[in-house]
Each structure stands twice: as C-alpha cells, then as structure tokens.
C-alpha cells in the first residue's frame, strides 16, 4: 500500500506550462506601455543577460531601489523598480549620448569619456 501524502493524485496540476512562447505578437525594441496588467512587463523583454558587478555597484543599485520604492506615494506605485529597471533606463539614456568611441583601451577610459559627455 502506498503512503498517503495528502497531496492527491496530481499535486502539480495547478502549474501552467510556461515553456511555450506567448502569442507571437511582435514586441518593439522600444519600451512598451501597457494599458492593462494582463501582460506582465517582464514578458515584453526577449533577452536575458547576466551582468558582473563589483560589490559597491550592487550595493549602490540596492540602495537606489530602496530609496525609490520608499519615496513614492500610492499613485506612483504602478510597477516594481528593480535592478533591471535601472540598468535598462541607463542604457536608454546612453543611447542619446554621443561618446568618442575611438581608441577606448579599458573600462576606466570609457567611464571617463561618458562622464565628460554628461558633465560629471
């Protein structure tokens, strides 16, 4: 006789299949604004990327998120602000910054040139 677990015949029946792609609607590369919460925002992104960060960079991102989340009133709590949100926003800002791309030797030089262009 099998041991009873109290989970029934199919305890995982409530899990939906997420391995299939959602509707084959084309999603633009620009930020898409949704008028309803039917489609979660994270589903509109196609690429998953791992980013290596220093400890101080991660701490800064986490502190910034906490400050943003705690300093909003109820009308501005439409979506969660995450590390991904901040990184995507910074990339969108950098799209419009013209940086001299010639002979950039390392990250320090890239940072220096970006700072020069945004006056930091």
N, C-alpha and C. Protein backbone atom coordinates (compact mmCIF):
# COMPACT_ATOMS: atom_id res chain seq x y z
N UNK A 1 0.85 -1.17 0.00
CA UNK A 1 0.00 0.00 0.00
C UNK A 1 0.90 1.24 0.00
N UNK A 2 0.58 2.21 -0.87
CA UNK A 2 1.36 3.43 -0.98
C UNK A 2 1.07 4.37 0.18
N UNK A 3 2.08 5.08 0.58
CA UNK A 3 1.95 6.03 1.68
C UNK A 3 1.12 7.23 1.22
N UNK A 4 0.15 7.65 2.03
CA UNK A 4 -0.68 8.80 1.69
C UNK A 4 0.07 10.08 2.08
N UNK A 5 0.09 11.02 1.17
CA UNK A 5 0.77 12.28 1.45
C UNK A 5 -0.20 13.44 1.63
N UNK A 6 -1.45 13.25 1.27
CA UNK A 6 -2.42 14.33 1.40
C UNK A 6 -2.37 15.31 0.24
N UNK A 7 -1.56 15.02 -0.78
CA UNK A 7 -1.42 15.91 -1.92
C UNK A 7 -2.31 15.51 -3.10
N UNK A 8 -3.01 14.40 -3.00
CA UNK A 8 -3.88 13.97 -4.09
C UNK A 8 -3.13 13.23 -5.17
N UNK A 9 -3.84 12.92 -6.25
CA UNK A 9 -3.25 12.17 -7.35
C UNK A 9 -2.24 12.98 -8.16
N UNK A 10 -2.54 14.26 -8.39
CA UNK A 10 -1.66 15.09 -9.21
C UNK A 10 -1.42 16.42 -8.48
N UNK A 11 -0.45 16.46 -7.58
CA UNK A 11 -0.25 17.67 -6.78
C UNK A 11 0.28 18.87 -7.58
N UNK A 12 0.76 18.64 -8.78
CA UNK A 12 1.32 19.73 -9.58
C UNK A 12 0.37 20.18 -10.69
N UNK A 13 -0.88 19.77 -10.65
CA UNK A 13 -1.83 20.08 -11.70
C UNK A 13 -2.08 21.58 -11.83
N UNK A 14 -1.90 22.34 -10.78
CA UNK A 14 -2.17 23.77 -10.82
C UNK A 14 -1.11 24.58 -11.57
N UNK A 15 0.05 23.97 -11.87
CA UNK A 15 1.14 24.67 -12.56
C UNK A 15 0.85 24.74 -14.05
N UNK A 16 0.94 25.95 -14.62
CA UNK A 16 0.69 26.12 -16.05
C UNK A 16 2.00 25.98 -16.82
N UNK A 17 1.89 25.59 -18.07
CA UNK A 17 3.04 25.41 -18.93
C UNK A 17 3.54 26.77 -19.40
N UNK A 18 4.78 27.12 -19.04
CA UNK A 18 5.37 28.39 -19.46
C UNK A 18 6.48 28.20 -20.47
N UNK A 19 6.69 26.99 -20.92
CA UNK A 19 7.78 26.74 -21.85
C UNK A 19 7.44 27.14 -23.27
N UNK A 20 6.17 27.30 -23.57
CA UNK A 20 5.78 27.72 -24.91
C UNK A 20 5.76 29.23 -24.96
N UNK A 21 6.11 29.77 -26.14
CA UNK A 21 6.14 31.21 -26.30
C UNK A 21 4.72 31.75 -26.23
N UNK A 22 4.56 32.93 -25.63
CA UNK A 22 3.24 33.55 -25.64
C UNK A 22 2.85 33.92 -27.07
N UNK A 23 1.70 34.46 -27.25
CA UNK A 23 1.23 34.81 -28.59
C UNK A 23 2.35 35.42 -29.40
N UNK A 24 2.40 35.12 -30.67
CA UNK A 24 3.52 35.55 -31.50
C UNK A 24 3.36 37.00 -31.94
N UNK A 25 2.94 37.87 -31.04
CA UNK A 25 2.85 39.29 -31.32
C UNK A 25 4.25 39.87 -31.32
N UNK A 26 4.50 40.78 -32.25
CA UNK A 26 5.81 41.42 -32.30
C UNK A 26 5.87 42.50 -31.23
N UNK A 27 6.95 42.49 -30.46
CA UNK A 27 7.16 43.50 -29.43
C UNK A 27 8.30 44.38 -29.89
N UNK A 28 8.07 45.69 -29.94
CA UNK A 28 9.09 46.59 -30.43
C UNK A 28 10.26 46.65 -29.45
N UNK A 29 11.39 47.14 -29.94
CA UNK A 29 12.56 47.24 -29.08
C UNK A 29 12.46 48.43 -28.13
N UNK A 30 11.54 49.34 -28.41
CA UNK A 30 11.32 50.47 -27.52
C UNK A 30 10.51 50.01 -26.32
N UNK A 31 10.48 50.83 -25.30
CA UNK A 31 9.73 50.50 -24.10
C UNK A 31 8.25 50.49 -24.47
N UNK A 32 7.57 49.39 -24.15
CA UNK A 32 6.17 49.24 -24.48
C UNK A 32 5.33 49.63 -23.28
N UNK A 33 4.33 50.45 -23.53
CA UNK A 33 3.43 50.86 -22.46
C UNK A 33 2.18 49.99 -22.53
N UNK A 34 1.83 49.39 -21.43
CA UNK A 34 0.65 48.56 -21.36
C UNK A 34 -0.46 49.32 -20.67
N UNK A 35 -1.66 49.23 -21.22
CA UNK A 35 -2.79 49.90 -20.59
C UNK A 35 -3.46 49.00 -19.57
N UNK A 36 -3.22 47.71 -19.66
CA UNK A 36 -3.78 46.80 -18.66
C UNK A 36 -2.67 45.95 -18.09
N UNK A 37 -2.95 45.33 -16.99
CA UNK A 37 -1.94 44.49 -16.36
C UNK A 37 -2.06 43.04 -16.80
N UNK A 38 -2.71 42.80 -17.94
CA UNK A 38 -2.90 41.43 -18.43
C UNK A 38 -1.56 40.78 -18.79
N UNK A 39 -0.63 41.56 -19.34
CA UNK A 39 0.67 41.03 -19.73
C UNK A 39 1.72 41.64 -18.80
N UNK A 40 2.42 40.82 -18.02
CA UNK A 40 3.46 41.37 -17.15
C UNK A 40 4.57 42.00 -17.98
N UNK A 41 5.14 43.09 -17.49
CA UNK A 41 6.17 43.81 -18.24
C UNK A 41 7.36 42.93 -18.59
N UNK A 42 7.76 42.06 -17.66
CA UNK A 42 8.94 41.24 -17.91
C UNK A 42 8.76 40.32 -19.12
N UNK A 43 7.52 40.03 -19.49
CA UNK A 43 7.26 39.18 -20.67
C UNK A 43 7.52 39.91 -21.98
N UNK A 44 7.63 41.24 -21.93
CA UNK A 44 7.85 42.01 -23.15
C UNK A 44 9.33 42.04 -23.55
N UNK A 45 10.20 41.56 -22.70
CA UNK A 45 11.63 41.56 -22.99
C UNK A 45 12.05 40.20 -23.54
N UNK A 46 12.94 40.21 -24.50
CA UNK A 46 13.34 38.98 -25.19
C UNK A 46 14.67 38.41 -24.73
N UNK A 47 15.57 39.23 -24.22
CA UNK A 47 16.93 38.79 -23.94
C UNK A 47 17.20 38.81 -22.44
N UNK A 48 17.77 37.73 -21.96
CA UNK A 48 18.20 37.65 -20.57
C UNK A 48 19.72 37.79 -20.56
N UNK A 49 20.23 38.64 -19.67
CA UNK A 49 21.65 38.95 -19.66
C UNK A 49 22.18 38.91 -18.24
N UNK A 50 23.30 38.26 -18.05
CA UNK A 50 23.96 38.27 -16.74
C UNK A 50 25.01 39.38 -16.75
N UNK A 51 25.06 40.16 -15.69
CA UNK A 51 26.00 41.26 -15.60
C UNK A 51 26.87 41.05 -14.37
N UNK A 52 28.17 41.12 -14.57
CA UNK A 52 29.10 41.01 -13.45
C UNK A 52 29.31 42.40 -12.85
N UNK A 53 29.10 42.52 -11.54
CA UNK A 53 29.21 43.79 -10.85
C UNK A 53 30.17 43.69 -9.68
N UNK A 54 30.75 44.83 -9.35
CA UNK A 54 31.53 44.90 -8.11
C UNK A 54 30.55 44.99 -6.95
N UNK A 55 31.03 44.71 -5.76
CA UNK A 55 30.18 44.76 -4.57
C UNK A 55 29.61 46.15 -4.34
N UNK A 56 30.43 47.20 -4.54
CA UNK A 56 29.95 48.57 -4.34
C UNK A 56 28.88 48.96 -5.36
N UNK A 57 28.98 48.45 -6.58
CA UNK A 57 27.96 48.73 -7.59
C UNK A 57 26.64 48.08 -7.22
N UNK A 58 26.70 46.84 -6.76
CA UNK A 58 25.49 46.14 -6.34
C UNK A 58 24.86 46.84 -5.14
N UNK A 59 25.67 47.25 -4.19
CA UNK A 59 25.15 47.97 -3.02
C UNK A 59 24.48 49.27 -3.43
N UNK A 60 25.09 49.98 -4.39
CA UNK A 60 24.50 51.22 -4.87
C UNK A 60 23.14 50.97 -5.51
N UNK A 61 23.06 49.95 -6.35
CA UNK A 61 21.78 49.63 -7.00
C UNK A 61 20.71 49.30 -5.97
N UNK A 62 21.05 48.48 -5.00
CA UNK A 62 20.08 48.09 -3.98
C UNK A 62 19.63 49.29 -3.14
N UNK A 63 20.57 50.18 -2.81
CA UNK A 63 20.22 51.39 -2.05
C UNK A 63 19.32 52.29 -2.88
N UNK A 64 19.64 52.47 -4.14
CA UNK A 64 18.83 53.30 -5.03
C UNK A 64 17.41 52.76 -5.15
N UNK A 65 17.28 51.45 -5.29
CA UNK A 65 15.96 50.82 -5.38
C UNK A 65 15.16 51.08 -4.10
N UNK A 66 15.79 50.87 -2.95
CA UNK A 66 15.10 51.11 -1.67
C UNK A 66 14.62 52.55 -1.57
N UNK A 67 15.49 53.50 -1.96
CA UNK A 67 15.12 54.92 -1.89
C UNK A 67 13.96 55.24 -2.82
N UNK A 68 14.01 54.72 -4.03
CA UNK A 68 12.93 54.96 -4.99
C UNK A 68 11.63 54.37 -4.48
N UNK A 69 11.68 53.13 -4.02
CA UNK A 69 10.46 52.44 -3.59
C UNK A 69 9.85 53.08 -2.35
N UNK A 70 10.67 53.58 -1.43
CA UNK A 70 10.13 54.16 -0.20
C UNK A 70 9.69 55.60 -0.38
N UNK A 71 10.15 56.27 -1.42
CA UNK A 71 9.82 57.67 -1.63
C UNK A 71 8.73 57.89 -2.67
N UNK A 72 7.83 56.94 -2.83
CA UNK A 72 6.73 57.14 -3.76
C UNK A 72 5.40 57.05 -3.02
N UNK A 73 4.47 57.86 -3.47
CA UNK A 73 3.14 57.79 -2.86
C UNK A 73 2.33 56.70 -3.56
N UNK A 74 1.12 56.46 -3.09
CA UNK A 74 0.32 55.34 -3.60
C UNK A 74 0.00 55.45 -5.08
N UNK A 75 -0.13 56.66 -5.59
CA UNK A 75 -0.47 56.82 -7.01
C UNK A 75 0.70 56.49 -7.92
N UNK A 76 1.91 56.46 -7.40
CA UNK A 76 3.09 56.17 -8.22
C UNK A 76 3.65 54.77 -7.98
N UNK A 77 2.85 53.88 -7.48
CA UNK A 77 3.30 52.51 -7.24
C UNK A 77 2.75 51.57 -8.31
N UNK A 78 2.91 51.95 -9.56
CA UNK A 78 2.34 51.17 -10.66
C UNK A 78 3.13 49.89 -10.92
N UNK A 79 4.44 49.97 -10.84
CA UNK A 79 5.26 48.78 -11.05
C UNK A 79 6.46 48.81 -10.12
N UNK A 80 7.00 47.63 -9.91
CA UNK A 80 8.18 47.50 -9.06
C UNK A 80 9.40 48.04 -9.78
N UNK A 81 10.25 48.73 -9.08
CA UNK A 81 11.53 49.18 -9.62
C UNK A 81 12.58 48.16 -9.19
N UNK A 82 13.31 47.64 -10.16
CA UNK A 82 14.29 46.59 -9.89
C UNK A 82 15.67 47.02 -10.41
N UNK A 83 16.66 46.19 -10.16
CA UNK A 83 17.99 46.44 -10.72
C UNK A 83 17.91 46.46 -12.24
N UNK A 84 17.13 45.55 -12.80
CA UNK A 84 16.96 45.51 -14.25
C UNK A 84 16.35 46.81 -14.77
N UNK A 85 15.38 47.35 -14.05
CA UNK A 85 14.73 48.61 -14.45
C UNK A 85 15.76 49.72 -14.54
N UNK A 86 16.61 49.82 -13.54
CA UNK A 86 17.62 50.88 -13.51
C UNK A 86 18.63 50.69 -14.64
N UNK A 87 19.10 49.47 -14.83
CA UNK A 87 20.08 49.20 -15.89
C UNK A 87 19.50 49.50 -17.27
N UNK A 88 18.24 49.08 -17.53
CA UNK A 88 17.60 49.38 -18.81
C UNK A 88 17.45 50.88 -19.01
N UNK A 89 17.09 51.61 -17.95
CA UNK A 89 16.94 53.06 -18.04
C UNK A 89 18.28 53.73 -18.39
N UNK A 90 19.34 53.28 -17.74
CA UNK A 90 20.66 53.85 -18.02
C UNK A 90 21.10 53.57 -19.46
N UNK A 91 20.79 52.39 -19.96
CA UNK A 91 21.13 52.07 -21.35
C UNK A 91 20.36 52.99 -22.29
N UNK A 92 19.08 53.22 -22.01
CA UNK A 92 18.28 54.12 -22.85
C UNK A 92 18.82 55.55 -22.82
N UNK A 93 19.32 56.00 -21.67
CA UNK A 93 19.92 57.33 -21.59
C UNK A 93 21.19 57.37 -22.43
N UNK A 94 22.02 56.34 -22.32
CA UNK A 94 23.30 56.33 -23.06
C UNK A 94 23.11 56.27 -24.57
N UNK A 95 21.96 55.80 -25.03
CA UNK A 95 21.70 55.78 -26.47
C UNK A 95 21.80 57.17 -27.08
N UNK A 96 21.43 58.18 -26.31
CA UNK A 96 21.39 59.55 -26.80
C UNK A 96 22.64 60.35 -26.46
N UNK A 97 23.64 59.71 -25.89
CA UNK A 97 24.88 60.40 -25.53
C UNK A 97 25.94 60.05 -26.56
N UNK A 98 26.43 61.07 -27.24
CA UNK A 98 27.48 60.85 -28.23
C UNK A 98 28.83 60.79 -27.51
N UNK A 99 29.46 59.64 -27.56
CA UNK A 99 30.76 59.44 -26.91
C UNK A 99 31.79 59.14 -27.98
N UNK A 100 32.97 59.72 -27.85
CA UNK A 100 34.06 59.41 -28.77
C UNK A 100 34.45 57.96 -28.56
N UNK A 101 34.22 57.14 -29.56
CA UNK A 101 34.43 55.70 -29.43
C UNK A 101 35.80 55.24 -29.96
N UNK A 102 36.63 56.17 -30.37
CA UNK A 102 37.93 55.82 -30.92
C UNK A 102 38.95 55.53 -29.81
N UNK A 103 39.64 54.43 -29.94
CA UNK A 103 40.76 54.06 -29.07
C UNK A 103 40.42 54.03 -27.59
N UNK A 104 39.33 53.37 -27.25
CA UNK A 104 38.99 53.17 -25.84
C UNK A 104 39.72 51.92 -25.38
N UNK A 105 40.67 52.08 -24.48
CA UNK A 105 41.53 50.97 -24.07
C UNK A 105 40.90 50.09 -23.00
N UNK A 106 40.10 50.69 -22.11
CA UNK A 106 39.59 49.92 -20.98
C UNK A 106 38.33 50.58 -20.41
N UNK A 107 37.81 49.98 -19.37
CA UNK A 107 36.59 50.47 -18.72
C UNK A 107 36.80 51.86 -18.13
N UNK A 108 37.97 52.12 -17.58
CA UNK A 108 38.26 53.42 -16.98
C UNK A 108 38.19 54.53 -18.03
N UNK A 109 38.73 54.27 -19.20
CA UNK A 109 38.69 55.27 -20.28
C UNK A 109 37.25 55.48 -20.77
N UNK A 110 36.50 54.41 -20.88
CA UNK A 110 35.09 54.53 -21.29
C UNK A 110 34.32 55.37 -20.27
N UNK A 111 34.51 55.09 -18.99
CA UNK A 111 33.85 55.84 -17.93
C UNK A 111 34.23 57.32 -18.00
N UNK A 112 35.51 57.61 -18.22
CA UNK A 112 35.99 58.99 -18.32
C UNK A 112 35.29 59.73 -19.46
N UNK A 113 35.16 59.08 -20.60
CA UNK A 113 34.54 59.72 -21.77
C UNK A 113 33.03 59.93 -21.57
N UNK A 114 32.39 58.97 -20.96
CA UNK A 114 30.95 59.13 -20.68
C UNK A 114 30.75 60.27 -19.69
N UNK A 115 31.56 60.32 -18.66
CA UNK A 115 31.45 61.41 -17.67
C UNK A 115 31.68 62.77 -18.32
N UNK A 116 32.63 62.86 -19.23
CA UNK A 116 32.88 64.12 -19.93
C UNK A 116 31.64 64.56 -20.70
N UNK A 117 30.98 63.63 -21.34
CA UNK A 117 29.81 63.98 -22.18
C UNK A 117 28.59 64.35 -21.35
N UNK A 118 28.45 63.77 -20.15
CA UNK A 118 27.27 64.10 -19.35
C UNK A 118 27.63 65.08 -18.22
N UNK A 119 28.83 65.64 -18.32
CA UNK A 119 29.28 66.70 -17.42
C UNK A 119 29.30 66.30 -15.96
N UNK A 120 29.93 65.19 -15.65
CA UNK A 120 30.10 64.77 -14.25
C UNK A 120 31.55 64.89 -13.84
